[in-house]
Amino acid sequence: MNENGKVSPLKLKAPLEQIEWRDPQNLRSNEYNPNIVVSKEMELLKLSLLQQGWIQPILITPDGLIIDGFHRTTIARMENWLVPCAILDLPEVDRIMLTVRINRAKGTHVALRMSDLVQRLLALGCTEAHIAEQIGGTEKEIEILKKGDIFKSLDLTNWKYSQAWLPKAYTPASAK
């Protein structure tokens, strides 16, 4: 309690208080990020960086593996900018879960990549319920994503569905 008798707000741990500026050429992308940013959005991201500067650090492991911030790092590489990095020493399962949570909070995912990710997390010993809880999905969604070929198993060619489920190179003609 503070001097006014009110409960003081809790301060969470804050890796962003220990920012290290790094050369983006020395950072490595992770192979599990299901997020895709198309060129129009990359231009918007670059514009945001130019106008507002770095408002979020790149999240990396101590050895330079990017947990979050791949697209900002990509722009920084092209522009020869240093990047602010917050270092998180997390096991692989926690890194994957964090990447998914951050990306889901920001936008959409490609279903095929999410399917690969769920299968990987299951192989790493995670339960379906834990994955659903950690990435903000439902158990039904995880059940669908854990199938090796989600399009074949659901026969989605006969359904109307969100364009977010389409691989980038997909065209209606290629589905036949």
Protein backbone atom coordinates (compact mmCIF):
# COMPACT_ATOMS: atom_id res chain seq x y z
CA MET A 1 0.00 0.00 0.00
CA ASN A 2 1.10 3.52 -0.65
CA GLU A 3 0.78 6.47 1.74
CA ASN A 4 -2.82 7.09 0.55
CA GLY A 5 -3.90 3.60 1.61
CA LYS A 6 -4.25 2.35 -1.96
CA VAL A 7 -2.68 -0.75 -3.39
CA SER A 8 0.34 0.17 -5.49
CA PRO A 9 0.43 -1.12 -9.07
CA LEU A 10 2.58 -4.18 -9.62
CA LYS A 11 5.65 -3.73 -11.77
CA LEU A 12 6.24 -6.79 -13.97
CA LYS A 13 9.68 -7.86 -15.08
CA ALA A 14 10.77 -5.71 -18.01
CA PRO A 15 13.49 -7.03 -20.35
CA LEU A 16 12.99 -3.85 -22.36
CA GLU A 17 14.78 -1.93 -19.60
CA GLN A 18 18.02 -3.61 -20.73
CA ILE A 19 18.03 -2.81 -24.45
CA GLU A 20 21.08 -3.73 -26.51
CA TRP A 21 21.57 -2.11 -29.90
CA ARG A 22 22.68 -4.75 -32.39
CA ASP A 23 23.59 -5.04 -36.04
CA PRO A 24 20.62 -6.81 -37.69
CA GLN A 25 23.02 -8.70 -39.98
CA ASN A 26 24.07 -10.69 -36.90
CA LEU A 27 20.52 -11.76 -35.99
CA ARG A 28 18.96 -15.03 -37.19
CA SER A 29 15.33 -15.66 -38.06
CA ASN A 30 13.48 -18.50 -36.43
CA GLU A 31 12.04 -21.17 -38.72
CA TYR A 32 8.68 -21.42 -36.97
CA ASN A 33 7.13 -17.97 -37.36
CA PRO A 34 3.74 -18.43 -39.06
CA ASN A 35 3.34 -14.71 -39.75
CA ILE A 36 3.64 -13.23 -43.24
CA VAL A 37 3.77 -9.53 -44.07
CA VAL A 38 3.10 -8.63 -47.70
CA SER A 39 4.95 -5.82 -49.45
CA LYS A 40 2.25 -3.18 -48.88
CA GLU A 41 2.32 -3.81 -45.14
CA MET A 42 6.14 -3.86 -45.15
CA GLU A 43 6.05 -0.38 -46.64
CA LEU A 44 3.65 0.70 -43.87
CA LEU A 45 5.94 -0.83 -41.28
CA LYS A 46 8.93 1.03 -42.76
CA LEU A 47 6.91 4.24 -42.74
CA SER A 48 6.06 3.71 -39.07
CA LEU A 49 9.73 3.18 -38.24
CA LEU A 50 10.71 6.32 -40.12
CA GLN A 51 7.97 8.45 -38.56
CA GLN A 52 7.83 7.13 -34.99
CA GLY A 53 11.18 5.39 -34.67
CA TRP A 54 11.66 2.21 -32.65
CA ILE A 55 8.62 1.85 -30.40
CA GLN A 56 9.17 -1.87 -29.80
CA PRO A 57 12.42 -3.74 -29.39
CA ILE A 58 13.27 -6.86 -31.35
CA LEU A 59 12.93 -9.85 -29.02
CA ILE A 60 15.91 -12.18 -29.33
CA THR A 61 17.65 -15.02 -27.53
CA PRO A 62 21.12 -14.38 -26.07
CA ASP A 63 22.69 -15.88 -29.23
CA GLY A 64 20.69 -13.65 -31.62
CA LEU A 65 17.72 -15.82 -32.67
CA ILE A 66 14.74 -13.56 -33.38
CA ILE A 67 11.66 -14.40 -31.31
CA ASP A 68 9.64 -11.38 -32.49
CA GLY A 69 10.51 -8.60 -34.89
CA PHE A 70 11.64 -10.43 -38.02
CA HIS A 71 9.98 -7.96 -40.40
CA ARG A 72 11.33 -4.91 -38.57
CA THR A 73 14.77 -6.57 -38.63
CA THR A 74 14.42 -7.19 -42.37
CA ILE A 75 13.73 -3.50 -42.99
CA ALA A 76 16.64 -2.52 -40.74
CA ARG A 77 18.96 -4.80 -42.74
CA MET A 78 17.91 -3.14 -46.01
CA GLU A 79 18.33 0.35 -44.55
CA ASN A 80 21.54 -0.39 -42.60
CA TRP A 81 19.98 0.56 -39.25
CA LEU A 82 20.92 -0.80 -35.85
CA VAL A 83 18.05 -2.48 -34.00
CA PRO A 84 17.09 -2.25 -30.31
CA CYS A 85 16.94 -5.74 -28.83
CA ALA A 86 15.49 -7.13 -25.62
CA ILE A 87 17.13 -10.44 -24.73
CA LEU A 88 14.96 -13.30 -23.48
CA ASP A 89 16.55 -16.58 -22.45
CA LEU A 90 13.61 -18.93 -23.09
CA PRO A 91 13.33 -22.61 -23.94
CA GLU A 92 12.13 -23.45 -27.46
CA VAL A 93 8.53 -24.20 -26.45
CA ASP A 94 8.19 -20.84 -24.69
CA ARG A 95 9.77 -19.00 -27.66
CA ILE A 96 7.29 -20.60 -30.07
CA MET A 97 4.31 -19.85 -27.82
CA LEU A 98 5.42 -16.23 -27.37
CA THR A 99 5.88 -15.74 -31.13
CA VAL A 100 2.39 -17.07 -31.80
CA ARG A 101 0.75 -14.99 -29.05
CA ILE A 102 2.39 -11.80 -30.24
CA ASN A 103 1.52 -12.46 -33.89
CA ARG A 104 -2.06 -13.46 -33.14
CA ALA A 105 -2.49 -10.24 -31.20
CA LYS A 106 -1.23 -8.32 -34.27
CA GLY A 107 -2.96 -10.01 -37.18
CA THR A 108 -3.58 -13.19 -39.14
CA HIS A 109 -1.68 -16.41 -39.73
CA VAL A 110 -1.20 -18.81 -42.58
CA ALA A 111 -2.95 -22.07 -41.67
CA LEU A 112 -0.33 -24.37 -43.21
CA ARG A 113 2.41 -22.83 -41.10
CA MET A 114 0.23 -22.93 -38.01
CA SER A 115 -0.40 -26.63 -38.67
CA ASP A 116 3.37 -27.26 -38.82
CA LEU A 117 3.83 -25.30 -35.62
CA VAL A 118 1.16 -27.21 -33.70
CA GLN A 119 2.66 -30.52 -34.83
CA ARG A 120 6.09 -29.32 -33.67
CA LEU A 121 4.78 -28.26 -30.27
CA LEU A 122 3.06 -31.62 -29.83
CA ALA A 123 6.34 -33.36 -30.71
CA LEU A 124 8.06 -31.21 -28.06
CA GLY A 125 5.66 -32.63 -25.47
CA CYS A 126 2.97 -29.96 -25.25
CA THR A 127 -0.64 -31.02 -24.79
CA GLU A 128 -3.35 -29.80 -27.13
CA ALA A 129 -5.03 -28.00 -24.22
CA HIS A 130 -1.78 -26.23 -23.28
CA ILE A 131 -1.16 -25.14 -26.88
CA ALA A 132 -4.72 -23.83 -27.19
CA GLU A 133 -4.39 -21.89 -23.94
CA GLN A 134 -0.97 -20.45 -24.76
CA ILE A 135 -1.70 -19.31 -28.33
CA GLY A 136 -5.27 -18.20 -27.80
CA GLY A 137 -6.83 -20.99 -29.85
CA THR A 138 -9.62 -23.40 -29.17
CA GLU A 139 -9.12 -27.11 -28.66
CA LYS A 140 -11.14 -27.68 -31.87
CA GLU A 141 -8.74 -25.38 -33.77
CA ILE A 142 -5.75 -27.29 -32.40
CA GLU A 143 -7.43 -30.59 -33.37
CA ILE A 144 -7.74 -29.32 -36.94
CA LEU A 145 -4.23 -27.87 -37.06
CA LYS A 146 -2.56 -31.02 -35.75
CA LYS A 147 -3.67 -32.95 -38.84
CA GLY A 148 -0.88 -33.32 -41.39
CA ASP A 149 -2.88 -32.15 -44.40
CA ILE A 150 -5.62 -29.92 -43.07
CA PHE A 151 -6.96 -29.04 -46.52
CA LYS A 152 -7.32 -32.67 -47.56
CA SER A 153 -8.77 -33.85 -44.26
CA LEU A 154 -11.43 -31.13 -44.24
CA ASP A 155 -12.14 -31.17 -48.01
CA LEU A 156 -12.02 -27.37 -47.99
CA THR A 157 -12.30 -27.18 -51.78
CA ASN A 158 -16.06 -27.59 -51.32
CA TRP A 159 -16.38 -24.97 -48.57
CA LYS A 160 -16.40 -21.19 -48.48
CA TYR A 161 -13.70 -20.06 -46.09
CA SER A 162 -11.55 -17.13 -45.17
CA GLN A 163 -8.80 -16.16 -47.59
CA ALA A 164 -6.41 -16.35 -44.62
CA TRP A 165 -6.42 -20.15 -45.06
CA LEU A 166 -4.92 -19.91 -48.53
CA PRO A 167 -1.22 -20.48 -49.16
CA LYS A 168 0.39 -17.51 -50.92
CA ALA A 169 0.81 -19.35 -54.24
CA TYR A 170 -2.72 -20.79 -54.18
CA THR A 171 -5.06 -20.10 -57.06
CA PRO A 172 -8.53 -21.62 -57.46
CA ALA A 173 -7.32 -23.46 -60.58
CA SER A 174 -4.52 -25.18 -58.62
CA ALA A 175 -7.06 -26.70 -56.19
CA LYS A 176 -8.50 -29.03 -58.83
